[in-house]
N, C-alpha and C. Protein backbone atom coordinates (compact mmCIF):
# COMPACT_ATOMS: atom_id res chain seq x y z
N MET A 1 45.14 63.52 8.22
CA MET A 1 45.43 64.00 6.77
C MET A 1 44.19 64.97 6.12
N PRO A 2 44.68 65.28 5.92
CA PRO A 2 43.79 66.60 4.82
C PRO A 2 42.98 65.57 4.07
N LYS A 3 41.77 66.01 3.59
CA LYS A 3 40.80 65.08 2.81
C LYS A 3 41.55 65.82 1.62
N GLY A 4 41.40 64.85 0.07
CA GLY A 4 41.59 65.22 -0.74
C GLY A 4 43.08 64.83 -1.42
N SER A 5 43.96 64.52 -0.24
CA SER A 5 45.13 64.81 -0.68
C SER A 5 45.50 63.29 -1.62
N GLY A 6 44.60 62.40 -1.49
CA GLY A 6 45.06 61.18 -1.84
C GLY A 6 45.87 60.47 -0.80
N GLY A 7 45.58 60.55 0.60
CA GLY A 7 46.64 59.67 1.43
C GLY A 7 48.28 60.57 1.44
N LEU A 8 48.61 61.59 0.75
CA LEU A 8 50.19 61.95 0.31
C LEU A 8 50.48 62.97 1.80
N SER A 9 51.56 63.02 2.35
CA SER A 9 51.91 63.89 3.24
C SER A 9 52.03 65.17 2.93
N ALA A 10 52.42 65.91 4.13
CA ALA A 10 52.45 67.70 3.27
C ALA A 10 54.17 67.58 2.51
N GLU A 11 54.59 66.80 3.36
CA GLU A 11 55.93 66.57 3.16
C GLU A 11 56.33 65.68 1.80
N ARG A 12 55.30 64.85 1.45
CA ARG A 12 55.40 64.17 0.19
C ARG A 12 54.80 65.28 -1.31
N LEU A 13 54.03 65.73 -0.46
CA LEU A 13 53.52 66.75 -1.62
C LEU A 13 54.49 67.79 -1.86
N ARG A 14 55.00 68.39 -0.86
CA ARG A 14 56.40 69.49 -1.11
C ARG A 14 57.31 68.70 -2.02
N GLU A 15 57.71 67.76 -1.69
CA GLU A 15 58.60 66.83 -2.46
C GLU A 15 58.06 66.87 -3.93
N LEU A 16 57.03 65.75 -4.18
CA LEU A 16 56.38 66.36 -5.76
C LEU A 16 56.28 67.94 -6.41
N ALA A 17 55.93 68.55 -5.53
CA ALA A 17 56.17 70.00 -6.22
C ALA A 17 56.85 70.58 -6.52
N ARG A 18 58.49 70.03 -5.47
CA ARG A 18 59.67 70.75 -5.85
C ARG A 18 60.29 69.67 -7.35
N SER A 19 59.75 68.66 -7.42
CA SER A 19 60.64 67.72 -8.37
C SER A 19 59.54 68.60 -9.46
N GLY A 20 58.28 68.90 -9.61
CA GLY A 20 58.00 69.07 -10.64
C GLY A 20 58.17 70.65 -11.35
N ALA A 21 58.25 71.82 -10.17
CA ALA A 21 58.85 72.81 -10.79
C ALA A 21 60.61 72.61 -10.85
N GLU A 22 61.22 71.89 -10.60
CA GLU A 22 62.95 71.87 -10.99
C GLU A 22 63.03 71.24 -13.08
N ALA A 23 61.91 70.35 -12.98
CA ALA A 23 61.86 69.93 -14.35
C ALA A 23 61.07 71.22 -15.33
N MET A 24 60.46 71.68 -14.41
CA MET A 24 59.64 72.98 -15.68
C MET A 24 60.80 73.71 -15.85
N LEU A 25 61.32 74.36 -14.96
CA LEU A 25 62.46 75.58 -14.57
C LEU A 25 63.66 74.82 -15.52
N LYS A 26 63.62 73.42 -15.62
CA LYS A 26 65.02 73.11 -17.15
C LYS A 26 64.40 73.13 -18.67
N GLN A 27 62.95 72.70 -18.17
CA GLN A 27 62.36 72.67 -19.83
C GLN A 27 62.19 74.43 -20.18
N LEU A 28 61.95 75.45 -19.19
CA LEU A 28 62.10 76.76 -19.49
C LEU A 28 63.47 77.40 -19.79
N ARG A 29 64.42 77.00 -19.37
CA ARG A 29 65.78 77.00 -19.66
C ARG A 29 65.89 76.82 -20.83
N ALA A 30 65.99 75.33 -21.42
CA ALA A 30 65.93 74.98 -23.06
C ALA A 30 64.98 75.86 -23.27
N GLU A 31 64.46 76.23 -23.79
CA GLU A 31 63.22 77.02 -24.44
C GLU A 31 63.85 78.17 -25.15
N ILE A 32 64.31 78.92 -23.67
CA ILE A 32 64.93 80.25 -23.39
C ILE A 32 66.06 80.16 -24.57
N ILE A 33 67.17 79.30 -24.22
CA ILE A 33 68.46 78.83 -25.28
C ILE A 33 67.82 78.96 -26.76
N ALA A 34 66.89 78.39 -26.74
CA ALA A 34 66.39 77.72 -28.17
C ALA A 34 66.17 79.03 -28.70
N ILE A 35 65.19 80.00 -28.16
CA ILE A 35 64.45 81.03 -28.69
C ILE A 35 66.09 82.14 -28.63
N GLU A 36 66.84 82.10 -28.26
CA GLU A 36 67.67 83.31 -28.08
C GLU A 36 69.01 82.81 -29.22
N ARG A 37 68.89 81.59 -29.47
CA ARG A 37 69.48 81.20 -30.81
C ARG A 37 68.75 81.23 -31.87
N THR A 38 67.83 81.18 -32.00
CA THR A 38 66.84 81.64 -33.23
C THR A 38 66.94 82.88 -33.08
N PHE A 39 66.62 83.94 -32.47
CA PHE A 39 66.81 85.29 -32.26
C PHE A 39 67.54 85.76 -31.66
N PRO A 40 68.99 86.16 -32.15
CA PRO A 40 69.65 86.84 -31.02
C PRO A 40 69.42 87.84 -30.59
N GLU A 41 68.90 88.85 -31.34
CA GLU A 41 68.56 90.12 -30.90
C GLU A 41 68.02 90.16 -29.19
N LEU A 42 67.37 89.50 -28.79
CA LEU A 42 66.40 89.35 -28.01
C LEU A 42 66.91 88.69 -26.63
N ALA A 43 68.63 87.78 -26.76
CA ALA A 43 69.44 88.02 -25.95
C ALA A 43 69.60 88.79 -25.27
N LEU A 44 70.22 88.60 -23.92
CA LEU A 44 70.51 89.81 -22.98
C LEU A 44 71.51 90.66 -23.92
N PRO A 45 71.75 91.69 -23.70
CA PRO A 45 72.90 92.72 -24.21
C PRO A 45 74.05 92.36 -23.27
N GLN A 46 75.20 91.95 -24.42
CA GLN A 46 76.22 91.76 -23.95
C GLN A 46 76.96 92.48 -22.51
N LYS A 47 76.26 93.74 -21.77
CA LYS A 47 76.98 94.60 -20.81
C LYS A 47 76.28 94.03 -19.76
N ARG A 48 74.86 94.13 -20.02
CA ARG A 48 74.03 93.37 -19.07
C ARG A 48 74.77 91.56 -18.73
N ARG A 49 74.36 90.88 -19.50
CA ARG A 49 75.38 89.49 -18.97
C ARG A 49 76.82 89.68 -18.20
N ALA A 50 77.66 90.82 -18.88
CA ALA A 50 78.95 90.87 -18.10
C ALA A 50 78.62 91.28 -16.62
N ALA A 51 77.34 92.48 -16.21
CA ALA A 51 77.21 92.83 -15.02
C ALA A 51 77.05 91.73 -14.18
N ARG A 52 75.85 90.87 -14.70
CA ARG A 52 75.38 89.63 -13.83
C ARG A 52 76.60 88.66 -13.65
N GLU A 53 77.35 88.67 -14.52
CA GLU A 53 78.34 87.52 -14.23
C GLU A 53 79.32 88.34 -13.12
N ALA A 54 79.57 89.46 -12.97
CA ALA A 54 80.59 89.75 -12.16
C ALA A 54 80.04 89.59 -10.45
N PHE A 55 78.93 90.69 -10.17
CA PHE A 55 77.85 90.47 -9.67
C PHE A 55 77.79 89.18 -8.90
N LYS A 56 77.57 88.07 -9.73
CA LYS A 56 78.08 86.74 -8.83
C LYS A 56 78.94 86.41 -8.39
N ARG A 57 80.31 86.74 -9.06
CA ARG A 57 81.73 86.67 -8.79
C ARG A 57 81.50 87.25 -7.19
N VAL A 58 81.24 89.06 -7.05
CA VAL A 58 81.61 89.59 -5.99
C VAL A 58 81.16 89.07 -4.86
N ARG A 59 79.29 88.19 -5.00
CA ARG A 59 78.53 87.66 -4.05
C ARG A 59 78.95 86.48 -3.45
N SER A 60 79.82 85.68 -4.70
CA SER A 60 80.65 84.21 -3.64
C SER A 60 81.89 84.73 -3.23
N ARG A 61 82.30 86.07 -3.29
CA ARG A 61 83.51 86.24 -2.52
C ARG A 61 83.67 86.61 -1.09
N VAL A 62 82.76 86.50 -0.43
CA VAL A 62 82.81 86.43 1.42
C VAL A 62 83.99 86.80 1.82
N ARG A 63 84.49 87.67 2.55
CA ARG A 63 85.46 88.09 3.29
C ARG A 63 85.22 87.70 5.17
N LYS A 64 86.20 86.68 5.66
CA LYS A 64 86.05 86.57 6.67
C LYS A 64 87.10 87.45 7.61
N MET A 65 86.39 87.72 8.60
CA MET A 65 87.36 88.57 9.26
C MET A 65 88.22 87.50 10.02
N THR A 66 89.44 87.88 10.78
CA THR A 66 90.50 87.25 11.15
C THR A 66 89.93 87.63 12.82
N GLU A 67 90.94 86.40 13.85
CA GLU A 67 90.64 87.11 15.53
C GLU A 67 91.25 88.23 15.30
N ASP A 68 92.22 88.71 14.98
CA ASP A 68 92.78 90.20 15.13
C ASP A 68 91.82 91.15 14.89
N GLU A 69 91.35 90.80 13.54
CA GLU A 69 90.44 92.04 12.97
C GLU A 69 89.04 92.35 14.11
N LYS A 70 88.53 90.65 14.72
CA LYS A 70 87.68 90.96 15.24
C LYS A 70 87.81 91.54 17.01
N LYS A 71 88.84 91.33 17.16
CA LYS A 71 89.70 92.10 18.74
C LYS A 71 89.91 93.24 18.63
N ALA A 72 90.07 93.81 17.75
CA ALA A 72 90.15 95.43 17.24
C ALA A 72 89.03 95.87 17.02
N VAL A 73 88.13 95.11 16.13
CA VAL A 73 86.95 96.17 16.11
C VAL A 73 85.90 96.11 17.81
N SER A 74 86.23 94.66 18.43
CA SER A 74 85.78 94.75 19.75
C SER A 74 86.37 95.80 20.81
N GLU A 75 87.40 96.07 20.78
CA GLU A 75 88.08 97.17 21.97
C GLU A 75 88.03 98.84 20.94
N ARG A 76 87.98 98.86 19.99
CA ARG A 76 86.85 100.20 19.25
C ARG A 76 85.45 100.38 19.43
N MET A 77 84.49 99.20 19.50
CA MET A 77 83.75 99.54 20.17
C MET A 77 83.00 99.31 21.54
N LYS A 78 84.25 98.83 22.52
CA LYS A 78 84.13 98.98 24.20
C LYS A 78 84.56 100.79 24.03
N LYS A 79 85.26 101.27 23.65
CA LYS A 79 85.61 102.57 23.91
C LYS A 79 85.05 103.40 23.01
N TYR A 80 84.24 103.39 21.97
CA TYR A 80 83.04 104.53 21.56
C TYR A 80 81.80 104.18 22.76
N TRP A 81 81.51 103.01 23.12
CA TRP A 81 80.39 102.90 24.19
C TRP A 81 80.78 103.68 25.23
N ALA A 82 81.98 102.91 25.72
CA ALA A 82 82.67 104.11 26.99
C ALA A 82 82.49 105.77 26.66
N GLU A 83 82.78 106.22 25.85
CA GLU A 83 82.77 107.51 25.60
C GLU A 83 81.48 108.11 25.74
N ARG A 84 80.30 106.87 25.16
CA ARG A 84 79.12 107.23 25.40
C ARG A 84 78.51 107.51 26.47
N ARG A 85 78.78 106.28 27.49
CA ARG A 85 78.55 106.44 28.40
C ARG A 85 78.56 107.73 29.35
N LYS A 86 79.79 108.37 28.97
CA LYS A 86 80.27 109.03 29.88
C LYS A 86 79.52 110.63 29.33
N ALA A 87 79.59 110.36 28.20
CA ALA A 87 78.89 111.66 27.37
C ALA A 87 77.49 111.83 28.09
N LYS A 88 77.00 110.46 28.06
CA LYS A 88 75.22 110.86 28.83
C LYS A 88 75.58 111.30 30.42
N SER A 89 76.22 110.39 31.25
CA SER A 89 76.44 110.64 32.65
C SER A 89 76.59 112.36 32.42
N LYS A 90 77.63 112.71 31.77
CA LYS A 90 77.72 114.17 31.79
C LYS A 90 76.50 115.52 31.57
N VAL A 91 75.80 114.91 30.97
CA VAL A 91 74.42 115.50 30.22
C VAL A 91 73.27 115.67 31.15
N LYS A 92 73.23 114.65 32.53
CA LYS A 92 72.31 114.57 33.37
C LYS A 92 72.78 115.29 34.44
């Protein structure tokens, strides 16, 4: 065990640091809300707030490829690379 750690493992120290950081973040968010209520002109402009929300929605909407789409892409790429190999062999 490293000296000066007070007998705490690295994992326990990390756990304590994380819980402290979470508490600090919660406190800071509460202070931001209080400041924005006191001074509304300091709050995020409506446009930026709307843009942030839209960005969150877009990021959470991840589209997965279906098996048919994967197969189509695979076939296209096989054809593409076959043509590339064919063109490369002609150059030599």
